[in-house]
Amino acid sequence: MNTFKTLKNFFFASLTAATVLSAANTANAAGAAGLWYDHTGRSAIQVSKCGSGLCGRIVWLKNAAHKSVCGTRIIGGGKRVGNSYDTGWIYSPERRKKYSVEITPQGNSLKVMGYAGSKMLSRTMIWKRAPSNLKRCA
């Protein structure tokens, strides 16, 4: 009889843990998704879940003279690794180059670490959440 109670408790504990982990994964994806000002404040990027990773497009520009990059996809791929999305890419329209990227939601900010081959050769940027009523360029 004691063995049955132990197994029953183990089953419910496992079910509860699985539910909590599933909710945490959903919350993290929602945490990365949204509208973000880049680290310079000159553009806003719409980030959304895309397959197992993230996608991001430029949807607002401070300087209308740069409108040719509006709609450019600058984030793609990646997969969830712990609290972050890693092994994806980020595109720099200024340098016209793609870099590897790790993206980590941090409340109302997004830590975006671009790197070339090794994370030792990285640049970390903090993006801030933009208002949802931002007038979009595309």
C-alpha atoms as a PDB file:
ATOM      1  CA  MET A   1       0.000   0.000   0.000  1.00  0.00           C
ATOM      2  CA  ASN A   2       2.850   2.414   0.784  1.00  0.00           C
ATOM      3  CA  THR A   3       4.442   1.725  -2.605  1.00  0.00           C
ATOM      4  CA  PHE A   4       1.210   2.711  -4.356  1.00  0.00           C
ATOM      5  CA  LYS A   5       1.072   6.012  -2.427  1.00  0.00           C
ATOM      6  CA  THR A   6       4.718   6.733  -3.270  1.00  0.00           C
ATOM      7  CA  LEU A   7       4.137   6.049  -6.974  1.00  0.00           C
ATOM      8  CA  LYS A   8       0.979   8.166  -6.945  1.00  0.00           C
ATOM      9  CA  ASN A   9       2.846  11.083  -5.315  1.00  0.00           C
ATOM     10  CA  PHE A  10       5.733  10.679  -7.780  1.00  0.00           C
ATOM     11  CA  PHE A  11       3.302  10.732 -10.731  1.00  0.00           C
ATOM     12  CA  PHE A  12       1.593  13.940  -9.547  1.00  0.00           C
ATOM     13  CA  ALA A  13       4.938  15.597  -8.776  1.00  0.00           C
ATOM     14  CA  SER A  14       6.195  14.711 -12.273  1.00  0.00           C
ATOM     15  CA  LEU A  15       2.999  15.986 -13.891  1.00  0.00           C
ATOM     16  CA  THR A  16       3.242  19.261 -11.945  1.00  0.00           C
ATOM     17  CA  ALA A  17       6.905  19.726 -12.906  1.00  0.00           C
ATOM     18  CA  ALA A  18       6.130  19.091 -16.590  1.00  0.00           C
ATOM     19  CA  THR A  19       3.300  21.643 -16.494  1.00  0.00           C
ATOM     20  CA  VAL A  20       5.518  24.281 -14.859  1.00  0.00           C
ATOM     21  CA  LEU A  21       8.343  23.700 -17.371  1.00  0.00           C
ATOM     22  CA  SER A  22       5.928  23.904 -20.293  1.00  0.00           C
ATOM     23  CA  ALA A  23       4.529  27.206 -19.003  1.00  0.00           C
ATOM     24  CA  ALA A  24       8.070  28.563 -18.534  1.00  0.00           C
ATOM     25  CA  ASN A  25       8.991  27.666 -22.132  1.00  0.00           C
ATOM     26  CA  THR A  26       5.869  29.400 -23.459  1.00  0.00           C
ATOM     27  CA  ALA A  27       6.519  32.479 -21.317  1.00  0.00           C
ATOM     28  CA  ASN A  28      10.119  32.695 -22.545  1.00  0.00           C
ATOM     29  CA  ALA A  29       9.061  32.580 -26.207  1.00  0.00           C
ATOM     30  CA  ALA A  30       6.501  35.278 -25.481  1.00  0.00           C
ATOM     31  CA  GLY A  31       9.216  37.233 -23.660  1.00  0.00           C
ATOM     32  CA  ALA A  32      11.402  37.402 -26.787  1.00  0.00           C
ATOM     33  CA  ALA A  33       8.519  38.074 -29.158  1.00  0.00           C
ATOM     34  CA  GLY A  34       7.363  41.635 -29.644  1.00  0.00           C
ATOM     35  CA  LEU A  35       8.491  45.027 -30.865  1.00  0.00           C
ATOM     36  CA  TRP A  36      11.986  46.144 -29.827  1.00  0.00           C
ATOM     37  CA  TYR A  37      14.075  49.286 -30.284  1.00  0.00           C
ATOM     38  CA  ASP A  38      17.608  48.295 -31.221  1.00  0.00           C
ATOM     39  CA  HIS A  39      20.564  49.358 -29.059  1.00  0.00           C
ATOM     40  CA  THR A  40      20.982  52.623 -31.010  1.00  0.00           C
ATOM     41  CA  GLY A  41      17.313  53.653 -30.898  1.00  0.00           C
ATOM     42  CA  ARG A  42      17.420  54.232 -34.673  1.00  0.00           C
ATOM     43  CA  SER A  43      15.227  51.273 -35.623  1.00  0.00           C
ATOM     44  CA  ALA A  44      12.601  48.928 -34.238  1.00  0.00           C
ATOM     45  CA  ILE A  45      12.521  45.210 -34.936  1.00  0.00           C
ATOM     46  CA  GLN A  46       9.431  42.976 -34.816  1.00  0.00           C
ATOM     47  CA  VAL A  47      10.558  39.663 -33.290  1.00  0.00           C
ATOM     48  CA  SER A  48       8.351  36.594 -33.515  1.00  0.00           C
ATOM     49  CA  LYS A  49       8.624  32.862 -32.954  1.00  0.00           C
ATOM     50  CA  CYS A  50       9.580  31.132 -36.167  1.00  0.00           C
ATOM     51  CA  GLY A  51       9.723  27.331 -36.101  1.00  0.00           C
ATOM     52  CA  SER A  52      12.030  26.406 -33.228  1.00  0.00           C
ATOM     53  CA  GLY A  53      13.775  29.784 -33.324  1.00  0.00           C
ATOM     54  CA  LEU A  54      13.053  33.460 -33.862  1.00  0.00           C
ATOM     55  CA  CYS A  55      12.536  35.775 -36.832  1.00  0.00           C
ATOM     56  CA  GLY A  56      12.949  39.534 -36.814  1.00  0.00           C
ATOM     57  CA  ARG A  57      12.285  42.315 -39.350  1.00  0.00           C
ATOM     58  CA  ILE A  58      12.955  46.040 -39.306  1.00  0.00           C
ATOM     59  CA  VAL A  59       9.539  47.730 -39.061  1.00  0.00           C
ATOM     60  CA  TRP A  60      10.386  51.295 -37.940  1.00  0.00           C
ATOM     61  CA  LEU A  61      13.213  53.717 -38.717  1.00  0.00           C
ATOM     62  CA  LYS A  62      13.984  56.978 -36.959  1.00  0.00           C
ATOM     63  CA  ASN A  63      15.480  58.422 -40.151  1.00  0.00           C
ATOM     64  CA  ALA A  64      13.154  58.078 -43.162  1.00  0.00           C
ATOM     65  CA  ALA A  65      16.179  58.462 -45.459  1.00  0.00           C
ATOM     66  CA  HIS A  66      17.090  54.852 -44.605  1.00  0.00           C
ATOM     67  CA  LYS A  67      13.707  53.478 -45.674  1.00  0.00           C
ATOM     68  CA  SER A  68      15.343  51.091 -48.148  1.00  0.00           C
ATOM     69  CA  VAL A  69      16.122  48.701 -45.261  1.00  0.00           C
ATOM     70  CA  CYS A  70      12.556  48.753 -43.940  1.00  0.00           C
ATOM     71  CA  GLY A  71      11.170  45.207 -43.944  1.00  0.00           C
ATOM     72  CA  THR A  72      14.639  43.641 -44.040  1.00  0.00           C
ATOM     73  CA  ARG A  73      14.812  40.372 -42.143  1.00  0.00           C
ATOM     74  CA  ILE A  74      17.684  40.732 -39.679  1.00  0.00           C
ATOM     75  CA  ILE A  75      17.111  37.766 -37.330  1.00  0.00           C
ATOM     76  CA  GLY A  76      16.580  34.144 -38.275  1.00  0.00           C
ATOM     77  CA  GLY A  77      16.922  30.584 -37.133  1.00  0.00           C
ATOM     78  CA  GLY A  78      18.265  29.427 -33.854  1.00  0.00           C
ATOM     79  CA  LYS A  79      16.950  27.071 -31.254  1.00  0.00           C
ATOM     80  CA  ARG A  80      16.091  27.247 -27.608  1.00  0.00           C
ATOM     81  CA  VAL A  81      18.988  26.627 -25.252  1.00  0.00           C
ATOM     82  CA  GLY A  82      17.939  27.133 -21.632  1.00  0.00           C
ATOM     83  CA  ASN A  83      16.557  30.675 -21.264  1.00  0.00           C
ATOM     84  CA  SER A  84      18.036  31.828 -24.602  1.00  0.00           C
ATOM     85  CA  TYR A  85      17.790  31.299 -28.329  1.00  0.00           C
ATOM     86  CA  ASP A  86      21.160  30.394 -29.822  1.00  0.00           C
ATOM     87  CA  THR A  87      22.756  29.243 -33.101  1.00  0.00           C
ATOM     88  CA  GLY A  88      20.649  31.666 -35.130  1.00  0.00           C
ATOM     89  CA  TRP A  89      21.876  34.602 -37.199  1.00  0.00           C
ATOM     90  CA  ILE A  90      21.623  38.381 -37.152  1.00  0.00           C
ATOM     91  CA  TYR A  91      22.180  40.589 -40.183  1.00  0.00           C
ATOM     92  CA  SER A  92      23.849  43.993 -40.009  1.00  0.00           C
ATOM     93  CA  PRO A  93      22.459  46.199 -42.822  1.00  0.00           C
ATOM     94  CA  GLU A  94      25.296  48.704 -42.222  1.00  0.00           C
ATOM     95  CA  ARG A  95      28.043  46.085 -42.685  1.00  0.00           C
ATOM     96  CA  ARG A  96      26.007  43.854 -45.004  1.00  0.00           C
ATOM     97  CA  LYS A  97      27.132  40.801 -43.032  1.00  0.00           C
ATOM     98  CA  LYS A  98      25.493  38.007 -41.074  1.00  0.00           C
ATOM     99  CA  TYR A  99      26.736  37.016 -37.633  1.00  0.00           C
ATOM    100  CA  SER A 100      25.804  34.255 -35.229  1.00  0.00           C
ATOM    101  CA  VAL A 101      23.454  35.425 -32.471  1.00  0.00           C
ATOM    102  CA  GLU A 102      22.288  34.499 -28.999  1.00  0.00           C
ATOM    103  CA  ILE A 103      19.102  36.228 -27.804  1.00  0.00           C
ATOM    104  CA  THR A 104      18.034  36.249 -24.157  1.00  0.00           C
ATOM    105  CA  PRO A 105      14.793  37.858 -22.883  1.00  0.00           C
ATOM    106  CA  GLN A 106      15.329  39.896 -19.712  1.00  0.00           C
ATOM    107  CA  GLY A 107      11.974  41.383 -18.723  1.00  0.00           C
ATOM    108  CA  ASN A 108      11.467  44.603 -20.739  1.00  0.00           C
ATOM    109  CA  SER A 109      14.787  44.217 -22.495  1.00  0.00           C
ATOM    110  CA  LEU A 110      16.372  41.758 -24.859  1.00  0.00           C
ATOM    111  CA  LYS A 111      20.050  40.849 -24.611  1.00  0.00           C
ATOM    112  CA  VAL A 112      21.323  40.358 -28.162  1.00  0.00           C
ATOM    113  CA  MET A 113      24.841  38.964 -28.479  1.00  0.00           C
ATOM    114  CA  GLY A 114      26.229  38.868 -32.009  1.00  0.00           C
ATOM    115  CA  TYR A 115      29.411  36.917 -32.567  1.00  0.00           C
ATOM    116  CA  ALA A 116      31.718  35.843 -35.374  1.00  0.00           C
ATOM    117  CA  GLY A 117      32.462  32.157 -34.957  1.00  0.00           C
ATOM    118  CA  SER A 118      33.317  32.312 -31.256  1.00  0.00           C
ATOM    119  CA  LYS A 119      31.472  34.001 -28.423  1.00  0.00           C
ATOM    120  CA  MET A 120      34.843  35.345 -27.326  1.00  0.00           C
ATOM    121  CA  LEU A 121      34.566  37.616 -30.387  1.00  0.00           C
ATOM    122  CA  SER A 122      31.163  39.016 -29.517  1.00  0.00           C
ATOM    123  CA  ARG A 123      29.271  42.250 -29.119  1.00  0.00           C
ATOM    124  CA  THR A 124      26.389  42.435 -26.673  1.00  0.00           C
ATOM    125  CA  MET A 125      23.544  44.866 -27.253  1.00  0.00           C
ATOM    126  CA  ILE A 126      20.534  45.567 -25.059  1.00  0.00           C
ATOM    127  CA  TRP A 127      17.295  46.232 -26.912  1.00  0.00           C
ATOM    128  CA  LYS A 128      14.378  47.953 -25.172  1.00  0.00           C
ATOM    129  CA  ARG A 129      10.715  47.160 -25.688  1.00  0.00           C
ATOM    130  CA  ALA A 130       9.012  49.617 -28.065  1.00  0.00           C
ATOM    131  CA  PRO A 131       5.383  50.732 -27.770  1.00  0.00           C
ATOM    132  CA  SER A 132       2.954  48.609 -29.777  1.00  0.00           C
ATOM    133  CA  ASN A 133       1.413  51.714 -31.396  1.00  0.00           C
ATOM    134  CA  LEU A 134       4.702  52.717 -33.072  1.00  0.00           C
ATOM    135  CA  LYS A 135       4.035  53.888 -36.638  1.00  0.00           C
ATOM    136  CA  ARG A 136       5.546  51.226 -38.890  1.00  0.00           C
ATOM    137  CA  CYS A 137       7.394  51.847 -42.122  1.00  0.00           C
ATOM    138  CA  ALA A 138       6.258  48.698 -43.915  1.00  0.00           C
END
